[in-house]
C-alpha atoms as a PDB file:
ATOM      1  CA  MET A   1     120.943 123.672  92.340  1.00  0.00           C
ATOM      2  CA  GLU A   2     121.395 123.687  96.256  1.00  0.00           C
ATOM      3  CA  TYR A   3     117.713 123.449  96.680  1.00  0.00           C
ATOM      4  CA  ASN A   4     117.355 120.306  94.197  1.00  0.00           C
ATOM      5  CA  LEU A   5     120.173 118.660  96.062  1.00  0.00           C
ATOM      6  CA  PHE A   6     118.431 119.390  99.513  1.00  0.00           C
ATOM      7  CA  MET A   7     115.036 118.030  98.127  1.00  0.00           C
ATOM      8  CA  ASN A   8     116.589 114.950  96.673  1.00  0.00           C
ATOM      9  CA  LYS A   9     118.364 114.113  99.912  1.00  0.00           C
ATOM     10  CA  PHE A  10     115.065 114.909 101.904  1.00  0.00           C
ATOM     11  CA  LEU A  11     113.004 112.829  99.547  1.00  0.00           C
ATOM     12  CA  LEU A  12     115.517 109.886  99.873  1.00  0.00           C
ATOM     13  CA  THR A  13     115.602 110.140 103.610  1.00  0.00           C
ATOM     14  CA  THR A  14     111.857 110.341 103.879  1.00  0.00           C
ATOM     15  CA  ILE A  15     111.319 107.211 101.536  1.00  0.00           C
ATOM     16  CA  LEU A  16     114.088 105.384 103.519  1.00  0.00           C
ATOM     17  CA  SER A  17     112.165 106.061 106.718  1.00  0.00           C
ATOM     18  CA  VAL A  18     108.860 105.264 105.304  1.00  0.00           C
ATOM     19  CA  VAL A  19     109.480 102.067 103.400  1.00  0.00           C
ATOM     20  CA  SER A  20     109.729  99.119 105.683  1.00  0.00           C
ATOM     21  CA  PHE A  21     113.169  97.687 104.891  1.00  0.00           C
ATOM     22  CA  SER A  22     112.768  94.773 107.168  1.00  0.00           C
ATOM     23  CA  ALA A  23     110.515  93.244 104.642  1.00  0.00           C
ATOM     24  CA  LEU A  24     112.975  93.995 101.743  1.00  0.00           C
ATOM     25  CA  ALA A  25     115.193  90.876 102.438  1.00  0.00           C
ATOM     26  CA  GLU A  26     112.080  88.879 101.945  1.00  0.00           C
ATOM     27  CA  PRO A  27     110.901  87.751  98.482  1.00  0.00           C
ATOM     28  CA  VAL A  28     108.877  90.261  96.686  1.00  0.00           C
ATOM     29  CA  LEU A  29     105.236  89.292  96.856  1.00  0.00           C
ATOM     30  CA  PRO A  30     102.357  90.692  94.911  1.00  0.00           C
ATOM     31  CA  SER A  31     100.952  93.703  96.630  1.00  0.00           C
ATOM     32  CA  SER A  32      97.845  95.769  96.046  1.00  0.00           C
ATOM     33  CA  ASN A  33      99.927  99.188  96.428  1.00  0.00           C
ATOM     34  CA  PRO A  34     100.565 100.491  92.795  1.00  0.00           C
ATOM     35  CA  ALA A  35     103.560 102.362  93.832  1.00  0.00           C
ATOM     36  CA  ILE A  36     105.232  99.210  95.391  1.00  0.00           C
ATOM     37  CA  CYS A  37     104.251  97.005  92.506  1.00  0.00           C
ATOM     38  CA  LEU A  38     105.820  99.657  90.051  1.00  0.00           C
ATOM     39  CA  ALA A  39     108.886 100.050  92.109  1.00  0.00           C
ATOM     40  CA  ASN A  40     109.314  96.491  92.395  1.00  0.00           C
ATOM     41  CA  ASN A  41     109.074  95.963  88.753  1.00  0.00           C
ATOM     42  CA  ILE A  42     111.455  98.837  87.870  1.00  0.00           C
ATOM     43  CA  TYR A  43     113.863  97.580  90.374  1.00  0.00           C
ATOM     44  CA  HIS A  44     114.037  94.137  88.744  1.00  0.00           C
ATOM     45  CA  GLU A  45     113.793  95.154  85.272  1.00  0.00           C
ATOM     46  CA  ALA A  46     115.832  98.388  85.138  1.00  0.00           C
ATOM     47  CA  LYS A  47     117.847  98.858  88.379  1.00  0.00           C
ATOM     48  CA  GLY A  48     121.143  99.326  86.331  1.00  0.00           C
ATOM     49  CA  GLN A  49     119.416 101.722  83.757  1.00  0.00           C
ATOM     50  CA  PRO A  50     119.703 105.544  83.835  1.00  0.00           C
ATOM     51  CA  ASP A  51     116.744 107.438  85.211  1.00  0.00           C
ATOM     52  CA  ALA A  52     115.114 107.673  81.586  1.00  0.00           C
ATOM     53  CA  GLY A  53     115.306 103.873  81.260  1.00  0.00           C
ATOM     54  CA  GLN A  54     113.726 103.377  84.573  1.00  0.00           C
ATOM     55  CA  VAL A  55     110.938 105.854  83.675  1.00  0.00           C
ATOM     56  CA  ALA A  56     110.408 104.187  80.410  1.00  0.00           C
ATOM     57  CA  VAL A  57     109.840 100.677  82.097  1.00  0.00           C
ATOM     58  CA  GLY A  58     107.473 102.149  84.549  1.00  0.00           C
ATOM     59  CA  LEU A  59     105.617 103.977  81.604  1.00  0.00           C
ATOM     60  CA  VAL A  60     105.197 100.619  79.776  1.00  0.00           C
ATOM     61  CA  VAL A  61     103.402  99.280  82.646  1.00  0.00           C
ATOM     62  CA  LEU A  62     101.013 102.473  82.831  1.00  0.00           C
ATOM     63  CA  ASN A  63     100.460 102.037  79.017  1.00  0.00           C
ATOM     64  CA  ARG A  64      99.436  98.587  79.571  1.00  0.00           C
ATOM     65  CA  VAL A  65      96.893  99.416  82.275  1.00  0.00           C
ATOM     66  CA  LYS A  66      95.356 101.872  79.841  1.00  0.00           C
ATOM     67  CA  ASP A  67      95.341  99.290  77.090  1.00  0.00           C
ATOM     68  CA  SER A  68      92.127  97.016  77.041  1.00  0.00           C
ATOM     69  CA  ARG A  69      94.308  93.935  76.127  1.00  0.00           C
ATOM     70  CA  TYR A  70      95.828  93.883  79.653  1.00  0.00           C
ATOM     71  CA  PRO A  71      94.660  94.001  83.229  1.00  0.00           C
ATOM     72  CA  ASN A  72      93.270  97.112  84.703  1.00  0.00           C
ATOM     73  CA  THR A  73      95.707  97.817  87.525  1.00  0.00           C
ATOM     74  CA  VAL A  74      99.410  98.474  87.876  1.00  0.00           C
ATOM     75  CA  CYS A  75      99.798  95.421  90.238  1.00  0.00           C
ATOM     76  CA  GLU A  76      97.671  93.177  87.917  1.00  0.00           C
ATOM     77  CA  VAL A  77      99.876  94.151  85.105  1.00  0.00           C
ATOM     78  CA  VAL A  78     103.168  93.771  86.914  1.00  0.00           C
ATOM     79  CA  TYR A  79     102.212  90.267  88.372  1.00  0.00           C
ATOM     80  CA  ASP A  80     100.198  89.082  85.304  1.00  0.00           C
ATOM     81  CA  ALA A  81     101.296  85.269  84.902  1.00  0.00           C
ATOM     82  CA  ARG A  82     100.129  81.874  84.051  1.00  0.00           C
ATOM     83  CA  MET A  83      99.965  80.321  87.412  1.00  0.00           C
ATOM     84  CA  ARG A  84     100.534  76.676  88.680  1.00  0.00           C
ATOM     85  CA  GLU A  85      99.299  75.308  92.083  1.00  0.00           C
ATOM     86  CA  SER A  86     101.838  74.220  94.644  1.00  0.00           C
ATOM     87  CA  TRP A  87     102.191  70.454  94.863  1.00  0.00           C
ATOM     88  CA  LYS A  88     101.683  71.033  98.687  1.00  0.00           C
ATOM     89  CA  THR A  89      98.073  72.122  98.251  1.00  0.00           C
ATOM     90  CA  LYS A  90      97.269  70.276  94.922  1.00  0.00           C
ATOM     91  CA  GLN A  91      97.236  67.017  96.742  1.00  0.00           C
ATOM     92  CA  TYR A  92      94.302  67.905  98.799  1.00  0.00           C
ATOM     93  CA  PRO A  93      91.126  67.922  96.714  1.00  0.00           C
ATOM     94  CA  ASP A  94      88.912  69.204  99.460  1.00  0.00           C
ATOM     95  CA  LEU A  95      91.051  72.142 100.398  1.00  0.00           C
ATOM     96  CA  PRO A  96      89.136  75.526 100.197  1.00  0.00           C
ATOM     97  CA  ASP A  97      90.377  77.705  97.398  1.00  0.00           C
ATOM     98  CA  ASP A  98      91.655  80.477  99.750  1.00  0.00           C
ATOM     99  CA  GLU A  99      94.068  78.144 101.383  1.00  0.00           C
ATOM    100  CA  ARG A 100      95.563  76.908  97.996  1.00  0.00           C
ATOM    101  CA  LYS A 101      99.051  78.409  97.045  1.00  0.00           C
ATOM    102  CA  TYR A 102      99.786  79.365  93.531  1.00  0.00           C
ATOM    103  CA  TYR A 103     103.096  80.310  91.817  1.00  0.00           C
ATOM    104  CA  PRO A 104     103.859  81.650  88.557  1.00  0.00           C
ATOM    105  CA  ARG A 105     104.901  79.400  85.801  1.00  0.00           C
ATOM    106  CA  LYS A 106     108.453  79.717  84.775  1.00  0.00           C
ATOM    107  CA  HIS A 107     108.940  82.065  81.764  1.00  0.00           C
ATOM    108  CA  GLN A 108     105.151  82.687  81.294  1.00  0.00           C
ATOM    109  CA  CYS A 109     104.871  86.202  82.800  1.00  0.00           C
ATOM    110  CA  GLN A 110     104.545  89.613  81.518  1.00  0.00           C
ATOM    111  CA  PHE A 111     107.839  90.581  83.126  1.00  0.00           C
ATOM    112  CA  SER A 112     110.632  87.863  83.316  1.00  0.00           C
ATOM    113  CA  TRP A 113     111.789  88.741  86.902  1.00  0.00           C
ATOM    114  CA  TYR A 114     108.613  87.652  88.351  1.00  0.00           C
ATOM    115  CA  CYS A 115     108.822  84.091  86.997  1.00  0.00           C
ATOM    116  CA  ASP A 116     112.421  83.249  86.104  1.00  0.00           C
ATOM    117  CA  GLY A 117     112.829  80.976  89.075  1.00  0.00           C
ATOM    118  CA  LYS A 118     115.428  83.297  90.858  1.00  0.00           C
ATOM    119  CA  ALA A 119     114.722  84.824  94.403  1.00  0.00           C
ATOM    120  CA  ASP A 120     112.884  88.207  93.865  1.00  0.00           C
ATOM    121  CA  ARG A 121     114.682  89.979  96.888  1.00  0.00           C
ATOM    122  CA  ILE A 122     115.303  93.713  97.076  1.00  0.00           C
ATOM    123  CA  ARG A 123     119.100  93.741  98.185  1.00  0.00           C
ATOM    124  CA  ASP A 124     120.017  97.199  97.319  1.00  0.00           C
ATOM    125  CA  LYS A 125     117.967  99.453  99.659  1.00  0.00           C
ATOM    126  CA  LYS A 126     119.407 102.769  98.478  1.00  0.00           C
ATOM    127  CA  SER A 127     118.616 101.855  94.694  1.00  0.00           C
ATOM    128  CA  TYR A 128     115.196 100.732  95.729  1.00  0.00           C
ATOM    129  CA  ALA A 129     114.472 104.069  97.667  1.00  0.00           C
ATOM    130  CA  LYS A 130     115.506 106.143  94.589  1.00  0.00           C
ATOM    131  CA  ILE A 131     113.347 103.962  92.256  1.00  0.00           C
ATOM    132  CA  TYR A 132     110.494 104.213  94.732  1.00  0.00           C
ATOM    133  CA  ALA A 133     110.846 108.160  94.582  1.00  0.00           C
ATOM    134  CA  LEU A 134     110.996 107.927  90.779  1.00  0.00           C
ATOM    135  CA  THR A 135     107.819 105.853  90.876  1.00  0.00           C
ATOM    136  CA  ILE A 136     105.905 108.333  92.763  1.00  0.00           C
ATOM    137  CA  ARG A 137     106.623 111.023  90.024  1.00  0.00           C
ATOM    138  CA  ILE A 138     105.820 108.345  87.344  1.00  0.00           C
ATOM    139  CA  LEU A 139     102.459 107.628  88.992  1.00  0.00           C
ATOM    140  CA  THR A 140     101.599 111.532  89.324  1.00  0.00           C
ATOM    141  CA  GLY A 141     102.073 111.836  85.580  1.00  0.00           C
ATOM    142  CA  ARG A 142     105.212 113.710  85.438  1.00  0.00           C
ATOM    143  CA  TYR A 143     106.570 111.861  82.542  1.00  0.00           C
ATOM    144  CA  ASP A 144     103.557 111.063  80.399  1.00  0.00           C
ATOM    145  CA  GLY A 145     104.079 110.720  76.731  1.00  0.00           C
ATOM    146  CA  LEU A 146     107.704 110.118  77.106  1.00  0.00           C
ATOM    147  CA  ILE A 147     107.815 106.838  75.343  1.00  0.00           C
ATOM    148  CA  GLU A 148     104.913 107.468  72.894  1.00  0.00           C
ATOM    149  CA  GLY A 149     102.516 104.837  74.195  1.00  0.00           C
ATOM    150  CA  ALA A 150     105.085 101.902  74.070  1.00  0.00           C
ATOM    151  CA  THR A 151     103.586  98.713  75.721  1.00  0.00           C
ATOM    152  CA  HIS A 152     106.620  96.374  75.126  1.00  0.00           C
ATOM    153  CA  TYR A 153     110.362  96.456  75.499  1.00  0.00           C
ATOM    154  CA  HIS A 154     113.096  93.928  75.277  1.00  0.00           C
ATOM    155  CA  ALA A 155     117.010  93.921  75.786  1.00  0.00           C
ATOM    156  CA  HIS A 156     119.015  94.797  72.862  1.00  0.00           C
ATOM    157  CA  TYR A 157     120.854  91.500  72.829  1.00  0.00           C
ATOM    158  CA  VAL A 158     117.498  89.666  72.194  1.00  0.00           C
ATOM    159  CA  SER A 159     115.237  89.363  69.235  1.00  0.00           C
ATOM    160  CA  PRO A 160     111.774  88.327  70.324  1.00  0.00           C
ATOM    161  CA  SER A 161     109.357  87.227  67.504  1.00  0.00           C
ATOM    162  CA  TRP A 162     106.755  89.790  68.456  1.00  0.00           C
ATOM    163  CA  SER A 163     109.122  92.663  67.881  1.00  0.00           C
ATOM    164  CA  LYS A 164     108.574  92.298  64.097  1.00  0.00           C
ATOM    165  CA  THR A 165     104.803  92.990  64.407  1.00  0.00           C
ATOM    166  CA  HIS A 166     104.998  95.969  66.773  1.00  0.00           C
ATOM    167  CA  THR A 167     105.881  99.512  65.932  1.00  0.00           C
ATOM    168  CA  TYR A 168     109.444 100.560  67.040  1.00  0.00           C
ATOM    169  CA  VAL A 169     109.251 103.607  69.402  1.00  0.00           C
ATOM    170  CA  GLY A 170     113.010 103.915  70.328  1.00  0.00           C
ATOM    171  CA  GLN A 171     115.971 102.635  72.506  1.00  0.00           C
ATOM    172  CA  ILE A 172     116.953 103.901  76.059  1.00  0.00           C
ATOM    173  CA  ALA A 173     120.073 102.379  77.216  1.00  0.00           C
ATOM    174  CA  ASP A 174     119.771  98.516  76.468  1.00  0.00           C
ATOM    175  CA  HIS A 175     116.117  98.453  76.175  1.00  0.00           C
ATOM    176  CA  ILE A 176     114.185  98.801  72.888  1.00  0.00           C
ATOM    177  CA  PHE A 177     110.752 100.059  73.081  1.00  0.00           C
ATOM    178  CA  TYR A 178     107.633  99.113  70.939  1.00  0.00           C
ATOM    179  CA  ARG A 179     104.006 100.157  70.695  1.00  0.00           C
ATOM    180  CA  TRP A 180     101.384  97.299  70.014  1.00  0.00           C
ATOM    181  CA  ASP A 181      99.052  99.126  67.562  1.00  0.00           C
END
């Protein structure tokens, strides 16, 4: 018991020192680091959930990576969205593609937080550090199989049309999980 408390405090302290929190007050931008992408998603989708709910949300992303119907990397799955070009760059037809700015279309993303129109800021640094530590354990396979291959979830207070065509897996806290067979 004492060892676990020590390790948890050590891990939290280490993560707090490694993760650059000067950037956390800034909007969350797509990253190529799978741990950061997954932690951002868990933070915005399930920050208030118990650990099991946070793990389950993380595993949905990993299950989608394994599914050929979705992109091939954690970051591509998390930031998968229909994009629109900014009016600031769209007005210049001769502007090179690498200088154009794109933003996700509102409500047309795999995960609602990324395109709900709200600022995607990490405000609770302590929660983010805890989620980041959990993310590392998820990515190393510690929780594989926990949600039986679920690729979808929704909050218990909504009833999306797709839920009727997917296999119910279970509920953790206020998220209901499904598998797309």
